[in-house]
N, C-alpha and C. Protein backbone atom coordinates (compact mmCIF):
# COMPACT_ATOMS: atom_id res chain seq x y z
N MET A 1 -23.49 1.75 0.48
CA MET A 1 -22.12 2.24 0.32
C MET A 1 -21.18 1.09 -0.04
N LYS A 2 -20.24 1.36 -0.93
CA LYS A 2 -19.29 0.33 -1.36
C LYS A 2 -18.28 0.05 -0.25
N THR A 3 -17.83 -1.21 -0.15
CA THR A 3 -16.93 -1.54 0.95
C THR A 3 -15.73 -2.41 0.55
N ARG A 4 -15.63 -2.79 -0.70
CA ARG A 4 -14.49 -3.63 -1.11
C ARG A 4 -13.68 -2.89 -2.17
N PHE A 5 -12.46 -2.50 -1.76
CA PHE A 5 -11.65 -1.65 -2.62
C PHE A 5 -10.21 -2.13 -2.75
N VAL A 6 -9.61 -1.73 -3.86
CA VAL A 6 -8.18 -1.87 -4.05
C VAL A 6 -7.63 -0.46 -4.24
N PHE A 7 -6.61 -0.10 -3.47
CA PHE A 7 -5.94 1.19 -3.60
C PHE A 7 -4.58 0.95 -4.23
N LEU A 8 -4.34 1.54 -5.41
CA LEU A 8 -3.06 1.39 -6.09
C LEU A 8 -2.40 2.75 -6.25
N GLY A 9 -1.08 2.75 -6.31
CA GLY A 9 -0.35 3.99 -6.51
C GLY A 9 1.12 3.79 -6.21
N PRO A 10 1.97 4.62 -6.78
CA PRO A 10 3.43 4.49 -6.58
C PRO A 10 3.83 4.88 -5.18
N PRO A 11 5.07 4.59 -4.79
CA PRO A 11 5.58 5.02 -3.48
C PRO A 11 5.42 6.52 -3.34
N GLY A 12 4.96 6.97 -2.19
CA GLY A 12 4.82 8.41 -1.96
C GLY A 12 3.52 9.01 -2.45
N ALA A 13 2.61 8.16 -2.97
CA ALA A 13 1.33 8.68 -3.48
C ALA A 13 0.36 8.98 -2.35
N GLY A 14 0.64 8.43 -1.17
CA GLY A 14 -0.22 8.67 -0.02
C GLY A 14 -1.38 7.71 0.11
N LYS A 15 -1.30 6.59 -0.62
CA LYS A 15 -2.43 5.62 -0.58
C LYS A 15 -2.57 4.97 0.81
N GLY A 16 -1.47 4.81 1.52
CA GLY A 16 -1.53 4.23 2.87
C GLY A 16 -2.30 5.14 3.82
N THR A 17 -2.04 6.43 3.72
CA THR A 17 -2.75 7.42 4.54
C THR A 17 -4.23 7.42 4.21
N GLN A 18 -4.54 7.40 2.92
CA GLN A 18 -5.95 7.42 2.49
C GLN A 18 -6.65 6.11 2.84
N ALA A 19 -5.91 5.00 2.79
CA ALA A 19 -6.50 3.70 3.16
C ALA A 19 -6.89 3.71 4.63
N ALA A 20 -6.03 4.30 5.47
CA ALA A 20 -6.31 4.38 6.91
C ALA A 20 -7.54 5.24 7.18
N LEU A 21 -7.65 6.38 6.47
CA LEU A 21 -8.79 7.27 6.65
C LEU A 21 -10.09 6.59 6.20
N ALA A 22 -10.04 5.95 5.02
CA ALA A 22 -11.23 5.28 4.49
C ALA A 22 -11.62 4.08 5.35
N SER A 23 -10.60 3.41 5.91
CA SER A 23 -10.84 2.27 6.78
C SER A 23 -11.66 2.69 8.01
N ALA A 24 -11.28 3.81 8.59
CA ALA A 24 -12.00 4.31 9.77
C ALA A 24 -13.43 4.71 9.42
N LYS A 25 -13.59 5.29 8.24
CA LYS A 25 -14.91 5.76 7.81
C LYS A 25 -15.84 4.60 7.50
N LEU A 26 -15.31 3.59 6.81
CA LEU A 26 -16.13 2.45 6.38
C LEU A 26 -16.22 1.36 7.44
N GLU A 27 -15.32 1.44 8.43
CA GLU A 27 -15.24 0.41 9.47
C GLU A 27 -14.92 -0.96 8.88
N VAL A 28 -13.97 -0.96 7.94
CA VAL A 28 -13.45 -2.20 7.36
C VAL A 28 -11.92 -2.12 7.44
N PRO A 29 -11.23 -3.26 7.48
CA PRO A 29 -9.76 -3.21 7.62
C PRO A 29 -9.03 -2.73 6.36
N ALA A 30 -7.95 -1.98 6.57
CA ALA A 30 -7.03 -1.63 5.49
C ALA A 30 -5.91 -2.64 5.55
N ILE A 31 -5.70 -3.35 4.45
CA ILE A 31 -4.76 -4.47 4.44
C ILE A 31 -3.61 -4.21 3.46
N ALA A 32 -2.40 -4.11 3.98
CA ALA A 32 -1.20 -3.96 3.15
C ALA A 32 -0.38 -5.23 3.27
N THR A 33 0.18 -5.67 2.16
CA THR A 33 0.93 -6.94 2.18
C THR A 33 2.10 -6.88 3.16
N GLY A 34 2.74 -5.72 3.27
CA GLY A 34 3.86 -5.60 4.19
C GLY A 34 3.45 -5.92 5.61
N GLY A 35 2.28 -5.43 6.01
CA GLY A 35 1.77 -5.70 7.35
C GLY A 35 1.44 -7.16 7.57
N ILE A 36 0.84 -7.80 6.54
CA ILE A 36 0.53 -9.23 6.65
C ILE A 36 1.81 -10.04 6.75
N PHE A 37 2.80 -9.67 5.95
CA PHE A 37 4.07 -10.38 5.98
C PHE A 37 4.71 -10.31 7.36
N ARG A 38 4.74 -9.10 7.93
CA ARG A 38 5.37 -8.93 9.25
C ARG A 38 4.64 -9.73 10.32
N GLU A 39 3.30 -9.73 10.23
CA GLU A 39 2.49 -10.46 11.19
C GLU A 39 2.75 -11.97 11.09
N ALA A 40 2.80 -12.48 9.86
CA ALA A 40 3.02 -13.91 9.64
C ALA A 40 4.41 -14.33 10.12
N ILE A 41 5.39 -13.46 9.88
CA ILE A 41 6.77 -13.74 10.31
C ILE A 41 6.84 -13.77 11.84
N ALA A 42 6.17 -12.79 12.47
CA ALA A 42 6.18 -12.71 13.94
C ALA A 42 5.49 -13.92 14.58
N GLN A 43 4.46 -14.42 13.92
CA GLN A 43 3.72 -15.57 14.45
C GLN A 43 4.44 -16.89 14.17
N GLU A 44 5.45 -16.80 13.30
CA GLU A 44 6.25 -17.98 12.91
C GLU A 44 5.36 -19.10 12.36
N SER A 45 4.34 -18.69 11.59
CA SER A 45 3.48 -19.68 10.93
C SER A 45 4.27 -20.32 9.79
N ALA A 46 3.72 -21.37 9.19
CA ALA A 46 4.40 -22.05 8.08
C ALA A 46 4.66 -21.07 6.94
N MET A 47 3.63 -20.29 6.59
CA MET A 47 3.80 -19.30 5.52
C MET A 47 4.74 -18.19 5.95
N GLY A 48 4.66 -17.84 7.25
CA GLY A 48 5.54 -16.80 7.78
C GLY A 48 7.00 -17.16 7.64
N LYS A 49 7.32 -18.42 7.88
CA LYS A 49 8.71 -18.88 7.76
C LYS A 49 9.18 -18.83 6.30
N GLN A 50 8.27 -19.16 5.39
CA GLN A 50 8.61 -19.09 3.96
C GLN A 50 8.86 -17.63 3.55
N ILE A 51 7.97 -16.75 4.01
CA ILE A 51 8.10 -15.33 3.68
C ILE A 51 9.41 -14.76 4.22
N ALA A 52 9.75 -15.15 5.46
CA ALA A 52 10.97 -14.65 6.09
C ALA A 52 12.21 -14.96 5.26
N GLN A 53 12.23 -16.13 4.63
CA GLN A 53 13.38 -16.52 3.81
C GLN A 53 13.60 -15.52 2.67
N PHE A 54 12.52 -15.06 2.05
CA PHE A 54 12.64 -14.10 0.95
C PHE A 54 12.94 -12.70 1.46
N VAL A 55 12.22 -12.30 2.51
CA VAL A 55 12.41 -10.95 3.07
C VAL A 55 13.83 -10.77 3.61
N ASN A 56 14.32 -11.75 4.34
CA ASN A 56 15.67 -11.67 4.92
C ASN A 56 16.76 -11.66 3.85
N ALA A 57 16.43 -12.21 2.68
CA ALA A 57 17.39 -12.23 1.58
C ALA A 57 17.25 -11.00 0.68
N GLY A 58 16.30 -10.13 1.05
CA GLY A 58 16.09 -8.92 0.26
C GLY A 58 15.40 -9.17 -1.06
N LEU A 59 14.65 -10.28 -1.16
CA LEU A 59 13.98 -10.65 -2.39
C LEU A 59 12.48 -10.40 -2.30
N LEU A 60 11.84 -10.23 -3.48
CA LEU A 60 10.39 -10.09 -3.50
C LEU A 60 9.74 -11.41 -3.15
N VAL A 61 8.69 -11.36 -2.39
CA VAL A 61 7.93 -12.58 -2.06
C VAL A 61 7.19 -13.01 -3.33
N PRO A 62 7.33 -14.27 -3.77
CA PRO A 62 6.70 -14.72 -5.01
C PRO A 62 5.19 -14.56 -5.00
N ASP A 63 4.62 -14.38 -6.20
CA ASP A 63 3.17 -14.16 -6.33
C ASP A 63 2.36 -15.26 -5.65
N LYS A 64 2.76 -16.51 -5.86
CA LYS A 64 1.98 -17.63 -5.33
C LYS A 64 1.84 -17.54 -3.81
N LEU A 65 2.94 -17.21 -3.14
CA LEU A 65 2.93 -17.10 -1.68
C LEU A 65 2.18 -15.86 -1.23
N THR A 66 2.36 -14.76 -1.95
CA THR A 66 1.66 -13.52 -1.63
C THR A 66 0.15 -13.71 -1.76
N ASN A 67 -0.25 -14.33 -2.88
CA ASN A 67 -1.68 -14.58 -3.11
C ASN A 67 -2.29 -15.44 -2.01
N ALA A 68 -1.55 -16.45 -1.59
CA ALA A 68 -2.04 -17.37 -0.56
C ALA A 68 -2.25 -16.65 0.77
N ILE A 69 -1.32 -15.80 1.13
CA ILE A 69 -1.42 -15.15 2.45
C ILE A 69 -2.47 -14.04 2.44
N VAL A 70 -2.65 -13.38 1.28
CA VAL A 70 -3.73 -12.38 1.18
C VAL A 70 -5.08 -13.08 1.26
N ALA A 71 -5.22 -14.19 0.54
CA ALA A 71 -6.48 -14.95 0.58
C ALA A 71 -6.80 -15.40 2.00
N GLU A 72 -5.77 -15.83 2.72
CA GLU A 72 -5.95 -16.26 4.12
C GLU A 72 -6.43 -15.09 4.98
N ARG A 73 -5.85 -13.91 4.74
CA ARG A 73 -6.24 -12.71 5.52
C ARG A 73 -7.69 -12.31 5.22
N LEU A 74 -8.11 -12.45 3.97
CA LEU A 74 -9.45 -12.04 3.59
C LEU A 74 -10.54 -12.97 4.14
N LYS A 75 -10.09 -14.13 4.65
CA LYS A 75 -11.05 -15.06 5.27
C LYS A 75 -11.39 -14.66 6.71
N SER A 76 -10.64 -13.70 7.25
CA SER A 76 -10.86 -13.27 8.64
C SER A 76 -12.23 -12.62 8.82
N LYS A 77 -12.76 -12.71 10.03
CA LYS A 77 -14.08 -12.20 10.33
C LYS A 77 -14.23 -10.71 10.02
N ASP A 78 -13.14 -9.93 10.28
CA ASP A 78 -13.25 -8.48 10.10
C ASP A 78 -13.36 -8.08 8.63
N CYS A 79 -13.17 -9.03 7.70
CA CYS A 79 -13.28 -8.73 6.27
C CYS A 79 -14.64 -9.09 5.71
N LYS A 80 -15.53 -9.59 6.57
CA LYS A 80 -16.86 -10.04 6.11
C LYS A 80 -17.65 -8.91 5.47
N THR A 81 -17.58 -7.74 6.06
CA THR A 81 -18.35 -6.61 5.53
C THR A 81 -17.59 -5.78 4.50
N GLY A 82 -16.31 -6.07 4.30
CA GLY A 82 -15.52 -5.35 3.31
C GLY A 82 -14.06 -5.25 3.69
N PHE A 83 -13.29 -4.61 2.83
CA PHE A 83 -11.85 -4.45 3.05
C PHE A 83 -11.29 -3.43 2.08
N ILE A 84 -10.11 -2.93 2.41
CA ILE A 84 -9.34 -2.07 1.52
C ILE A 84 -7.98 -2.73 1.35
N LEU A 85 -7.65 -3.13 0.14
CA LEU A 85 -6.34 -3.70 -0.14
C LEU A 85 -5.41 -2.58 -0.57
N ASP A 86 -4.38 -2.36 0.21
CA ASP A 86 -3.44 -1.26 -0.02
C ASP A 86 -2.19 -1.76 -0.75
N GLY A 87 -2.13 -1.48 -2.05
CA GLY A 87 -0.94 -1.86 -2.83
C GLY A 87 -0.95 -3.28 -3.35
N TYR A 88 -2.05 -3.98 -3.20
CA TYR A 88 -2.22 -5.33 -3.74
C TYR A 88 -3.52 -5.34 -4.53
N PRO A 89 -3.54 -5.93 -5.72
CA PRO A 89 -2.45 -6.67 -6.40
C PRO A 89 -1.44 -5.74 -7.07
N ARG A 90 -0.25 -6.31 -7.32
CA ARG A 90 0.83 -5.54 -7.97
C ARG A 90 1.07 -6.02 -9.40
N SER A 91 0.41 -7.08 -9.81
CA SER A 91 0.63 -7.63 -11.14
C SER A 91 -0.65 -8.27 -11.64
N LEU A 92 -0.70 -8.56 -12.94
CA LEU A 92 -1.87 -9.22 -13.52
C LEU A 92 -2.10 -10.59 -12.88
N THR A 93 -1.00 -11.28 -12.61
CA THR A 93 -1.10 -12.61 -11.98
C THR A 93 -1.81 -12.50 -10.64
N GLN A 94 -1.42 -11.51 -9.85
CA GLN A 94 -2.05 -11.31 -8.54
C GLN A 94 -3.50 -10.87 -8.69
N ALA A 95 -3.78 -10.02 -9.69
CA ALA A 95 -5.15 -9.55 -9.91
C ALA A 95 -6.07 -10.71 -10.25
N LYS A 96 -5.59 -11.60 -11.09
CA LYS A 96 -6.41 -12.74 -11.50
C LYS A 96 -6.59 -13.73 -10.33
N ALA A 97 -5.57 -13.84 -9.48
CA ALA A 97 -5.69 -14.69 -8.28
C ALA A 97 -6.72 -14.10 -7.33
N LEU A 98 -6.73 -12.78 -7.19
CA LEU A 98 -7.71 -12.10 -6.33
C LEU A 98 -9.12 -12.31 -6.89
N ASP A 99 -9.28 -12.19 -8.20
CA ASP A 99 -10.58 -12.42 -8.83
C ASP A 99 -11.08 -13.83 -8.55
N ALA A 100 -10.17 -14.79 -8.68
CA ALA A 100 -10.54 -16.19 -8.47
C ALA A 100 -10.99 -16.42 -7.03
N TYR A 101 -10.27 -15.81 -6.08
CA TYR A 101 -10.63 -15.96 -4.67
C TYR A 101 -12.01 -15.34 -4.41
N LEU A 102 -12.23 -14.13 -4.89
CA LEU A 102 -13.50 -13.44 -4.65
C LEU A 102 -14.67 -14.17 -5.30
N GLN A 103 -14.43 -14.70 -6.50
CA GLN A 103 -15.50 -15.44 -7.18
C GLN A 103 -15.90 -16.69 -6.37
N LYS A 104 -14.88 -17.35 -5.85
CA LYS A 104 -15.12 -18.55 -5.04
C LYS A 104 -15.88 -18.19 -3.77
N ALA A 105 -15.59 -17.00 -3.23
CA ALA A 105 -16.23 -16.54 -2.00
C ALA A 105 -17.54 -15.80 -2.26
N SER A 106 -17.96 -15.80 -3.53
CA SER A 106 -19.19 -15.10 -3.95
C SER A 106 -19.15 -13.61 -3.58
N ARG A 107 -17.99 -13.00 -3.82
CA ARG A 107 -17.82 -11.57 -3.57
C ARG A 107 -17.34 -10.90 -4.86
N THR A 108 -17.41 -9.58 -4.88
CA THR A 108 -16.89 -8.82 -6.01
C THR A 108 -16.19 -7.57 -5.50
N LEU A 109 -15.25 -7.06 -6.28
CA LEU A 109 -14.63 -5.78 -5.96
C LEU A 109 -15.60 -4.67 -6.31
N ASP A 110 -15.66 -3.63 -5.48
CA ASP A 110 -16.54 -2.50 -5.79
C ASP A 110 -15.83 -1.47 -6.66
N ARG A 111 -14.55 -1.24 -6.36
CA ARG A 111 -13.83 -0.20 -7.11
C ARG A 111 -12.32 -0.33 -6.89
N VAL A 112 -11.57 0.10 -7.90
CA VAL A 112 -10.11 0.17 -7.81
C VAL A 112 -9.72 1.64 -7.96
N LEU A 113 -9.06 2.18 -6.95
CA LEU A 113 -8.65 3.58 -6.97
C LEU A 113 -7.16 3.67 -7.25
N TYR A 114 -6.82 4.43 -8.29
CA TYR A 114 -5.41 4.63 -8.62
C TYR A 114 -5.00 6.04 -8.23
N PHE A 115 -4.03 6.13 -7.32
CA PHE A 115 -3.57 7.43 -6.83
C PHE A 115 -2.42 7.92 -7.72
N LYS A 116 -2.79 8.71 -8.70
CA LYS A 116 -1.81 9.21 -9.68
C LYS A 116 -1.13 10.46 -9.12
N VAL A 117 0.18 10.46 -9.14
CA VAL A 117 0.91 11.58 -8.54
C VAL A 117 2.11 11.95 -9.40
N ASP A 118 2.40 13.25 -9.47
CA ASP A 118 3.52 13.73 -10.28
C ASP A 118 4.85 13.45 -9.58
N ALA A 119 5.86 13.13 -10.38
CA ALA A 119 7.19 12.78 -9.84
C ALA A 119 7.75 13.84 -8.90
N PRO A 120 7.70 15.16 -9.26
CA PRO A 120 8.26 16.17 -8.34
C PRO A 120 7.60 16.16 -6.96
N VAL A 121 6.29 15.85 -6.93
CA VAL A 121 5.56 15.80 -5.65
C VAL A 121 6.06 14.63 -4.80
N VAL A 122 6.26 13.45 -5.45
CA VAL A 122 6.76 12.28 -4.75
C VAL A 122 8.15 12.55 -4.20
N ILE A 123 9.00 13.16 -5.02
CA ILE A 123 10.38 13.45 -4.62
C ILE A 123 10.38 14.39 -3.40
N GLU A 124 9.50 15.39 -3.42
CA GLU A 124 9.41 16.31 -2.28
C GLU A 124 8.92 15.60 -1.02
N ARG A 125 7.87 14.77 -1.18
CA ARG A 125 7.31 14.06 -0.03
C ARG A 125 8.32 13.09 0.58
N MET A 126 8.93 12.29 -0.29
CA MET A 126 9.83 11.25 0.22
C MET A 126 11.16 11.82 0.69
N GLY A 127 11.47 13.03 0.21
CA GLY A 127 12.67 13.71 0.67
C GLY A 127 12.57 14.14 2.12
N LYS A 128 11.33 14.12 2.64
CA LYS A 128 11.11 14.53 4.03
C LYS A 128 11.10 13.34 4.98
N ARG A 129 11.26 12.14 4.43
CA ARG A 129 11.25 10.94 5.29
C ARG A 129 12.64 10.74 5.88
N ARG A 130 12.67 10.26 7.13
CA ARG A 130 13.93 9.92 7.79
C ARG A 130 13.75 8.58 8.50
N ILE A 131 14.84 7.86 8.64
CA ILE A 131 14.80 6.56 9.32
C ILE A 131 15.94 6.49 10.34
N CYS A 132 15.67 5.86 11.47
CA CYS A 132 16.71 5.71 12.49
C CYS A 132 17.72 4.66 12.05
N THR A 133 18.99 5.01 12.09
CA THR A 133 20.04 4.10 11.65
C THR A 133 20.26 2.95 12.62
N GLN A 134 19.65 3.05 13.82
CA GLN A 134 19.82 1.98 14.81
C GLN A 134 18.60 1.05 14.91
N CYS A 135 17.41 1.63 15.13
CA CYS A 135 16.23 0.78 15.36
C CYS A 135 15.28 0.70 14.18
N GLY A 136 15.47 1.57 13.17
CA GLY A 136 14.62 1.50 11.98
C GLY A 136 13.32 2.28 12.08
N GLN A 137 13.08 2.99 13.20
CA GLN A 137 11.87 3.80 13.34
C GLN A 137 11.84 4.88 12.24
N THR A 138 10.66 5.10 11.63
CA THR A 138 10.57 6.07 10.55
C THR A 138 9.90 7.36 11.02
N TYR A 139 10.28 8.47 10.38
CA TYR A 139 9.73 9.79 10.69
C TYR A 139 9.46 10.56 9.41
N ASN A 140 8.65 11.61 9.53
CA ASN A 140 8.46 12.54 8.45
C ASN A 140 8.68 13.93 9.03
N LEU A 141 9.56 14.71 8.43
CA LEU A 141 9.93 16.00 9.01
C LEU A 141 8.77 16.98 9.11
N VAL A 142 7.69 16.72 8.33
CA VAL A 142 6.52 17.60 8.37
C VAL A 142 5.40 17.03 9.21
N SER A 143 4.96 15.80 8.86
CA SER A 143 3.79 15.23 9.53
C SER A 143 4.10 14.44 10.80
N GLN A 144 5.31 13.92 10.91
CA GLN A 144 5.68 13.12 12.09
C GLN A 144 7.15 13.35 12.45
N PRO A 145 7.50 14.59 12.84
CA PRO A 145 8.90 14.90 13.12
C PRO A 145 9.36 14.34 14.46
N PRO A 146 10.67 14.12 14.62
CA PRO A 146 11.20 13.68 15.92
C PRO A 146 11.16 14.86 16.89
N LYS A 147 11.18 14.56 18.18
CA LYS A 147 11.15 15.62 19.19
C LYS A 147 12.42 16.48 19.11
N LYS A 148 13.54 15.80 18.84
CA LYS A 148 14.81 16.50 18.69
C LYS A 148 15.33 16.25 17.28
N GLU A 149 15.70 17.31 16.58
CA GLU A 149 16.12 17.20 15.19
C GLU A 149 17.28 16.21 15.02
N GLY A 150 17.08 15.26 14.11
CA GLY A 150 18.15 14.31 13.78
C GLY A 150 18.35 13.18 14.76
N VAL A 151 17.47 13.12 15.80
CA VAL A 151 17.63 12.10 16.85
C VAL A 151 16.34 11.29 17.00
N CYS A 152 16.47 9.98 17.08
CA CYS A 152 15.31 9.10 17.23
C CYS A 152 14.70 9.22 18.63
N ASP A 153 13.38 9.41 18.67
CA ASP A 153 12.67 9.49 19.96
C ASP A 153 12.77 8.17 20.72
N LYS A 154 12.78 7.08 19.97
CA LYS A 154 12.70 5.75 20.55
C LYS A 154 14.00 5.29 21.21
N CYS A 155 15.13 5.43 20.45
CA CYS A 155 16.39 4.88 20.98
C CYS A 155 17.55 5.88 21.03
N GLY A 156 17.31 7.09 20.53
CA GLY A 156 18.36 8.09 20.55
C GLY A 156 19.35 7.96 19.42
N GLY A 157 19.04 7.06 18.46
CA GLY A 157 19.93 6.85 17.31
C GLY A 157 19.88 8.01 16.32
N ARG A 158 20.82 8.00 15.38
CA ARG A 158 20.91 9.07 14.38
C ARG A 158 19.89 8.82 13.27
N LEU A 159 19.21 9.90 12.86
CA LEU A 159 18.25 9.80 11.76
C LEU A 159 18.94 10.15 10.44
N ALA A 160 18.58 9.43 9.40
CA ALA A 160 19.18 9.67 8.09
C ALA A 160 18.14 9.44 6.99
N MET A 161 18.42 9.97 5.81
CA MET A 161 17.56 9.73 4.66
C MET A 161 17.93 8.38 4.05
N ARG A 162 16.92 7.59 3.74
CA ARG A 162 17.19 6.29 3.11
C ARG A 162 17.78 6.50 1.73
N VAL A 163 18.63 5.59 1.31
CA VAL A 163 19.26 5.68 0.00
C VAL A 163 18.21 5.72 -1.11
N ASP A 164 17.15 4.89 -0.95
CA ASP A 164 16.13 4.85 -2.01
C ASP A 164 15.14 6.01 -1.93
N ASP A 165 15.38 6.97 -1.03
CA ASP A 165 14.58 8.18 -1.00
C ASP A 165 15.30 9.35 -1.67
N GLN A 166 16.49 9.09 -2.23
CA GLN A 166 17.21 10.10 -3.00
C GLN A 166 16.47 10.31 -4.33
N PRO A 167 16.48 11.55 -4.86
CA PRO A 167 15.74 11.87 -6.09
C PRO A 167 15.93 10.88 -7.25
N GLU A 168 17.18 10.51 -7.55
CA GLU A 168 17.42 9.61 -8.68
C GLU A 168 16.80 8.24 -8.44
N SER A 169 16.94 7.75 -7.22
CA SER A 169 16.36 6.44 -6.87
C SER A 169 14.85 6.48 -6.99
N ILE A 170 14.25 7.59 -6.55
CA ILE A 170 12.80 7.73 -6.60
C ILE A 170 12.32 7.72 -8.05
N ARG A 171 13.02 8.45 -8.91
CA ARG A 171 12.63 8.49 -10.34
C ARG A 171 12.67 7.11 -10.97
N LYS A 172 13.70 6.36 -10.64
CA LYS A 172 13.83 4.99 -11.18
C LYS A 172 12.68 4.11 -10.67
N ARG A 173 12.37 4.22 -9.38
CA ARG A 173 11.29 3.43 -8.79
C ARG A 173 9.95 3.79 -9.42
N LEU A 174 9.73 5.07 -9.70
CA LEU A 174 8.48 5.50 -10.32
C LEU A 174 8.36 4.95 -11.73
N ASP A 175 9.49 4.98 -12.47
CA ASP A 175 9.49 4.45 -13.85
C ASP A 175 9.16 2.97 -13.85
N ILE A 176 9.78 2.24 -12.93
CA ILE A 176 9.54 0.79 -12.83
C ILE A 176 8.09 0.52 -12.45
N TYR A 177 7.59 1.32 -11.49
CA TYR A 177 6.20 1.13 -11.04
C TYR A 177 5.23 1.36 -12.19
N GLU A 178 5.42 2.46 -12.93
CA GLU A 178 4.52 2.78 -14.04
C GLU A 178 4.53 1.66 -15.08
N GLU A 179 5.72 1.16 -15.35
CA GLU A 179 5.86 0.10 -16.37
C GLU A 179 5.15 -1.18 -15.95
N THR A 180 5.32 -1.57 -14.69
CA THR A 180 4.73 -2.83 -14.23
C THR A 180 3.24 -2.72 -13.93
N THR A 181 2.79 -1.50 -13.59
CA THR A 181 1.39 -1.31 -13.21
C THR A 181 0.48 -1.00 -14.39
N SER A 182 1.04 -0.52 -15.48
CA SER A 182 0.24 -0.16 -16.65
C SER A 182 -0.72 -1.26 -17.10
N PRO A 183 -0.27 -2.52 -17.27
CA PRO A 183 -1.20 -3.59 -17.67
C PRO A 183 -2.30 -3.83 -16.63
N LEU A 184 -1.96 -3.63 -15.37
CA LEU A 184 -2.92 -3.83 -14.28
C LEU A 184 -4.03 -2.77 -14.35
N LEU A 185 -3.65 -1.53 -14.64
CA LEU A 185 -4.62 -0.45 -14.75
C LEU A 185 -5.54 -0.68 -15.95
N GLN A 186 -4.96 -1.14 -17.04
CA GLN A 186 -5.75 -1.46 -18.24
C GLN A 186 -6.75 -2.58 -17.95
N TYR A 187 -6.30 -3.56 -17.19
CA TYR A 187 -7.11 -4.71 -16.83
C TYR A 187 -8.36 -4.26 -16.06
N TYR A 188 -8.15 -3.39 -15.06
CA TYR A 188 -9.28 -2.93 -14.25
C TYR A 188 -10.14 -1.91 -15.00
N GLU A 189 -9.53 -1.15 -15.91
CA GLU A 189 -10.29 -0.20 -16.70
C GLU A 189 -11.28 -0.95 -17.62
N LYS A 190 -10.81 -2.03 -18.22
CA LYS A 190 -11.66 -2.85 -19.08
C LYS A 190 -12.83 -3.45 -18.30
N LYS A 191 -12.60 -3.71 -17.02
CA LYS A 191 -13.66 -4.26 -16.17
C LYS A 191 -14.62 -3.16 -15.68
N GLY A 192 -14.28 -1.92 -15.97
CA GLY A 192 -15.11 -0.80 -15.53
C GLY A 192 -15.00 -0.49 -14.06
N LEU A 193 -13.87 -0.86 -13.46
CA LEU A 193 -13.69 -0.69 -12.01
C LEU A 193 -12.75 0.45 -11.63
N LEU A 194 -12.04 1.01 -12.60
CA LEU A 194 -10.94 1.94 -12.28
C LEU A 194 -11.40 3.39 -12.11
N SER A 195 -10.93 4.01 -11.03
CA SER A 195 -11.09 5.45 -10.81
C SER A 195 -9.69 6.02 -10.60
N VAL A 196 -9.33 7.04 -11.38
CA VAL A 196 -8.02 7.67 -11.26
C VAL A 196 -8.16 8.97 -10.47
N LEU A 197 -7.41 9.08 -9.38
CA LEU A 197 -7.47 10.25 -8.52
C LEU A 197 -6.21 11.09 -8.65
N ASN A 198 -6.35 12.38 -8.45
CA ASN A 198 -5.20 13.29 -8.46
C ASN A 198 -4.58 13.30 -7.06
N ALA A 199 -3.55 12.48 -6.87
CA ALA A 199 -2.94 12.34 -5.54
C ALA A 199 -1.84 13.37 -5.29
N SER A 200 -1.65 14.32 -6.22
CA SER A 200 -0.66 15.37 -6.01
C SER A 200 -1.21 16.47 -5.11
N GLN A 201 -2.52 16.40 -4.82
CA GLN A 201 -3.16 17.40 -3.97
C GLN A 201 -2.90 17.12 -2.49
N SER A 202 -3.47 17.95 -1.64
CA SER A 202 -3.30 17.80 -0.19
C SER A 202 -4.03 16.54 0.29
N VAL A 203 -3.70 16.09 1.50
CA VAL A 203 -4.35 14.91 2.08
C VAL A 203 -5.86 15.11 2.14
N ASP A 204 -6.31 16.29 2.57
CA ASP A 204 -7.75 16.55 2.69
C ASP A 204 -8.45 16.53 1.33
N ASP A 205 -7.80 17.13 0.33
CA ASP A 205 -8.40 17.17 -1.00
C ASP A 205 -8.48 15.79 -1.63
N VAL A 206 -7.46 14.98 -1.41
CA VAL A 206 -7.47 13.61 -1.93
C VAL A 206 -8.54 12.79 -1.21
N ALA A 207 -8.67 13.03 0.09
CA ALA A 207 -9.69 12.33 0.89
C ALA A 207 -11.10 12.63 0.38
N LYS A 208 -11.31 13.87 -0.09
CA LYS A 208 -12.61 14.24 -0.66
C LYS A 208 -12.87 13.46 -1.95
N GLN A 209 -11.81 13.27 -2.77
CA GLN A 209 -11.96 12.50 -3.99
C GLN A 209 -12.31 11.04 -3.66
N VAL A 210 -11.62 10.51 -2.65
CA VAL A 210 -11.87 9.12 -2.22
C VAL A 210 -13.32 8.99 -1.74
N ALA A 211 -13.77 9.96 -0.95
CA ALA A 211 -15.14 9.91 -0.41
C ALA A 211 -16.18 9.93 -1.54
N THR A 212 -15.90 10.70 -2.59
CA THR A 212 -16.82 10.77 -3.73
C THR A 212 -16.96 9.40 -4.40
N VAL A 213 -15.83 8.70 -4.55
CA VAL A 213 -15.84 7.38 -5.17
C VAL A 213 -16.57 6.37 -4.27
N ILE A 214 -16.25 6.42 -2.98
CA ILE A 214 -16.85 5.49 -2.02
C ILE A 214 -18.37 5.65 -1.94
N GLN A 215 -18.82 6.90 -2.00
CA GLN A 215 -20.24 7.18 -1.85
C GLN A 215 -21.04 7.07 -3.14
N ALA A 216 -20.34 6.93 -4.25
CA ALA A 216 -21.03 6.84 -5.55
C ALA A 216 -21.90 5.58 -5.61
N PRO A 217 -23.09 5.69 -6.22
CA PRO A 217 -23.99 4.52 -6.30
C PRO A 217 -23.43 3.42 -7.18
């Protein structure tokens, strides 16, 4: 069974959910850059302090720093038998850095899964997300609703829709994502690694597609 994957897809495609499901099935870690960044910042490591400067300023973490911290994470013992990279790489530069790291480590990627989803589906999904205006806890009105409507379970703060979850903002983010990811998808397609999944379907149906790719010889 294959164990080294990259999961790509726009915001709201559900790749994080599928990465968690596949992670449990394969018994390999699902690794998202956001999680690594938060962990490094909390540990106040040298790289964590550098990352914090960009995150606190609302800026994207540069490729060089992102590549370094992902490479560091992939050296961990739990990645020996495999891993799922959730949303990384995001650019050709990052993809080539990942290739260089894997080649040096005598490893190869097994497959790259692209979770393709229609804009109306993303708008509907993300329109159900809410965030606490006080503590930042996130909710989903369908899959993870608060106990009391409009009120945070954690701190009692008011729940609101994020500005970037508004339909127009979502459409712009999808357009930007498609534009920046297109060369990346072509890159992996030329390598014969790309599988495109219909992520507009239900969680269970998408999970079946993922399982088919994972189990393929």
